[in-house]
Protein backbone atom coordinates (compact mmCIF):
# COMPACT_ATOMS: atom_id res chain seq x y z
CA MET A 1 0.00 0.00 0.00
CA GLU A 2 1.50 3.31 -1.12
CA ASP A 3 2.04 6.07 1.44
CA ASP A 4 -0.50 8.93 1.32
CA LEU A 5 2.14 11.63 0.90
CA LYS A 6 3.61 9.77 -2.08
CA LEU A 7 0.12 9.61 -3.58
CA TRP A 8 -0.25 13.34 -2.88
CA GLU A 9 2.95 14.04 -4.81
CA LYS A 10 1.59 12.01 -7.72
CA ILE A 11 -1.69 13.95 -7.58
CA LYS A 12 0.23 17.23 -7.69
CA ASN A 13 1.95 15.89 -10.81
CA GLY A 14 -1.41 15.13 -12.47
CA ASP A 15 -1.77 11.40 -11.77
CA THR A 16 -5.49 10.60 -11.66
CA SER A 17 -4.86 7.04 -10.50
CA ALA A 18 -3.44 8.47 -7.25
CA VAL A 19 -6.74 10.29 -6.58
CA LYS A 20 -8.58 7.02 -7.19
CA ALA A 21 -6.27 5.23 -4.74
CA LEU A 22 -6.97 7.83 -2.02
CA HIS A 23 -10.69 7.67 -2.86
CA ASP A 24 -10.70 3.91 -2.50
CA ARG A 25 -8.76 4.14 0.76
CA TYR A 26 -10.77 6.87 2.53
CA TYR A 27 -14.20 7.30 0.94
CA TYR A 28 -15.97 4.88 3.28
CA GLN A 29 -14.23 6.23 6.40
CA LEU A 30 -15.19 9.78 5.44
CA TYR A 31 -18.75 8.71 4.71
CA LEU A 32 -19.12 6.98 8.10
CA PHE A 33 -17.63 9.98 9.84
CA GLY A 34 -20.07 12.32 8.08
CA LYS A 35 -23.02 10.00 8.68
CA LYS A 36 -22.69 10.56 12.42
CA MET A 37 -23.53 14.23 11.94
CA TYR A 38 -25.52 14.48 8.73
CA HIS A 39 -28.32 12.07 7.97
CA ASN A 40 -29.04 12.68 4.28
CA PRO A 41 -27.16 9.86 2.49
CA ALA A 42 -27.39 11.30 -1.03
CA ALA A 43 -26.17 14.75 0.04
CA LEU A 44 -23.48 13.20 2.22
CA GLU A 45 -22.16 11.13 -0.69
CA GLU A 46 -21.92 14.34 -2.70
CA VAL A 47 -20.03 16.18 0.05
CA VAL A 48 -17.58 13.28 0.46
CA SER A 49 -17.05 13.08 -3.31
CA ASP A 50 -16.50 16.84 -3.41
CA CYS A 51 -13.56 16.40 -1.04
CA PHE A 52 -11.74 14.32 -3.64
CA ILE A 53 -12.79 16.61 -6.49
CA LYS A 54 -11.46 19.65 -4.62
CA LEU A 55 -8.27 17.76 -3.80
CA TRP A 56 -7.79 17.22 -7.53
CA THR A 57 -8.91 20.61 -8.85
CA LYS A 58 -7.01 22.65 -6.25
CA ARG A 59 -3.91 20.44 -6.19
CA SER A 60 -1.60 23.19 -7.42
CA ASP A 61 -2.73 25.57 -4.63
CA LEU A 62 -2.85 23.12 -1.71
CA VAL A 63 0.05 22.47 0.63
CA ILE A 64 -0.27 19.19 2.52
CA ALA A 65 2.91 18.46 4.42
CA ARG A 66 1.93 15.84 6.99
CA SER A 67 -1.37 14.01 6.50
CA VAL A 68 -3.59 13.78 3.46
CA LYS A 69 -6.12 11.83 5.52
CA SER A 70 -6.42 14.58 8.12
CA TYR A 71 -6.79 17.15 5.37
CA LEU A 72 -9.63 15.14 3.81
CA PHE A 73 -11.43 14.93 7.16
CA LEU A 74 -11.06 18.68 7.64
CA MET A 75 -12.42 19.25 4.11
CA LEU A 76 -15.40 17.07 4.96
CA HIS A 77 -15.94 18.96 8.23
CA ASN A 78 -15.99 22.28 6.35
CA GLY A 79 -18.25 20.86 3.65
CA LEU A 80 -20.77 19.67 6.22
CA ILE A 81 -20.76 23.07 7.94
CA ASP A 82 -21.43 24.72 4.55
CA ILE A 83 -24.32 22.32 3.83
CA LEU A 84 -25.88 22.95 7.25
CA ARG A 85 -25.61 26.71 6.79
CA GLN A 86 -27.12 26.49 3.31
CA LYS A 87 -29.89 24.22 4.60
CA ASP A 88 -30.78 26.81 7.25
CA ARG A 89 -30.97 29.56 4.60
CA THR A 90 -33.05 27.39 2.23
CA GLU A 91 -35.54 26.45 4.95
CA HIS A 92 -35.87 30.11 5.83
CA LEU A 93 -36.64 31.02 2.23
CA GLU A 94 -39.08 28.15 1.66
CA ASP A 95 -41.40 28.56 4.63
CA GLY A 96 -40.86 32.23 5.48
CA SER A 97 -40.02 31.46 9.09
CA ILE A 98 -36.94 32.53 10.94
CA PRO A 99 -34.57 29.55 11.13
CA ASP A 100 -33.41 28.23 14.46
CA LEU A 101 -29.87 28.97 15.48
CA PRO A 102 -27.44 26.31 14.29
CA ASP A 103 -27.46 23.30 16.55
CA ASP A 104 -24.67 24.04 18.99
CA GLU A 105 -24.31 20.38 19.86
CA MET A 106 -23.73 19.44 16.21
CA ASN A 107 -21.27 22.29 15.66
CA SER A 108 -19.49 21.38 18.89
CA GLU A 109 -19.13 17.74 17.83
CA LEU A 110 -17.85 18.73 14.38
CA ASP A 111 -15.36 21.08 16.03
CA ARG A 112 -14.18 18.30 18.34
CA TYR A 113 -13.60 16.01 15.34
CA ALA A 114 -11.66 18.77 13.57
CA LEU A 115 -9.60 19.37 16.72
CA LEU A 116 -8.91 15.65 17.04
CA TYR A 117 -7.68 15.34 13.47
CA SER A 118 -5.59 18.51 13.62
CA THR A 119 -4.06 17.28 16.91
CA LEU A 120 -3.22 13.94 15.27
CA GLU A 121 -1.28 15.89 12.66
CA LYS A 122 1.01 17.22 15.43
CA LEU A 123 2.22 13.71 16.26
CA PRO A 124 5.52 12.55 14.78
CA GLU A 125 4.89 10.70 11.51
CA GLN A 126 5.60 7.16 12.73
CA ARG A 127 3.65 7.62 15.98
CA ARG A 128 0.67 9.03 14.06
CA ARG A 129 0.80 6.16 11.55
CA ILE A 130 0.91 3.57 14.37
CA LEU A 131 -2.05 5.23 16.12
CA GLU A 132 -4.05 5.42 12.87
CA MET A 133 -3.38 1.76 12.09
CA ALA A 134 -4.48 0.73 15.59
CA VAL A 135 -7.51 3.00 15.89
CA PHE A 136 -8.82 3.56 12.36
CA GLU A 137 -7.81 0.27 10.76
CA SER A 138 -8.18 -1.91 13.89
CA PHE A 139 -4.80 -3.56 13.37
CA SER A 140 -3.29 -5.53 16.24
CA TYR A 141 0.04 -4.39 17.65
CA ALA A 142 1.67 -7.47 16.13
CA LEU A 143 0.31 -6.67 12.67
CA ILE A 144 1.40 -3.03 12.94
CA ALA A 145 4.89 -4.18 13.98
CA GLU A 146 5.03 -6.54 11.03
CA LYS A 147 3.80 -3.97 8.49
CA LEU A 148 6.17 -1.25 9.71
CA ASP A 149 9.08 -3.64 10.35
CA ILE A 150 9.45 -2.63 14.00
CA SER A 151 9.12 -4.51 17.28
CA VAL A 152 5.83 -4.97 19.13
CA ASN A 153 7.41 -3.18 22.10
CA THR A 154 8.08 -0.15 19.88
CA VAL A 155 4.42 -0.16 18.85
CA LYS A 156 3.33 -0.31 22.51
CA THR A 157 5.69 2.50 23.47
CA GLN A 158 4.55 4.70 20.58
CA MET A 159 0.88 4.05 21.36
CA GLY A 160 1.43 4.98 25.01
CA ARG A 161 3.18 8.20 23.99
CA ALA A 162 0.47 9.01 21.46
CA TYR A 163 -2.33 8.55 24.02
CA ARG A 164 -0.39 10.57 26.60
CA PHE A 165 0.05 13.39 24.07
CA LEU A 166 -3.66 13.31 23.15
CA LYS A 167 -4.64 13.41 26.84
CA GLU A 168 -2.48 16.52 27.29
CA GLU A 169 -3.75 18.26 24.15
CA LEU A 170 -7.45 17.40 24.11
CA ASP A 171 -10.35 18.01 26.44
CA PRO A 172 -12.07 14.84 27.75
CA LYS A 173 -14.93 14.99 25.20
CA SER A 174 -12.54 15.26 22.26
CA LEU A 175 -10.36 12.49 23.64
CA GLN A 176 -13.47 10.32 23.98
CA LEU A 177 -13.94 10.58 20.19
CA ILE A 178 -10.84 8.50 19.53
CA PHE A 179 -12.37 5.64 21.50
CA MET A 180 -15.70 6.06 19.65
CA LEU A 181 -13.84 5.97 16.32
CA LYS A 182 -12.01 2.85 17.43
CA SER A 183 -15.26 1.08 18.30
CA THR A 184 -16.84 2.00 14.93
CA GLY A 185 -13.76 1.07 12.93
CA LEU A 186 -13.27 4.53 11.41
């Protein structure tokens, strides 16, 4: 499996197969993430697809230095916020009523996801990759060690350091998200 940053370099050089590889790798994870906050499947599919389209069309302007995956999740977060804002405006125009204020709980949860993913980007590359493999891909420590050609003890140490860092950086509700993501397989 090719590294995301290598695929990103290929995308920047105009390789459409690299976009397809990222799409195949992350579409379902993005969709499940978005489904927790937005319950219109057809519109959600469009927002998720737009993330990959924007990645392609804006490739010459974007700078992604650490994590393509995190960038995609942030794009989805922003896309969902835009949809919710537009939905509020449309409902206001259709029925003539004053729309309710945006759901603070939904905005708060989206913000916590964005904070989580931006905090993950702060981790050293190998530590972040180990954490992602364990949490998002549900790999065992032994499988991670095998795939990365490191010892199981190194995986354990890096996981402990990653969790310690997340505990220091995140509030308890945001930290709780990582355990929710682990249980859903995202």
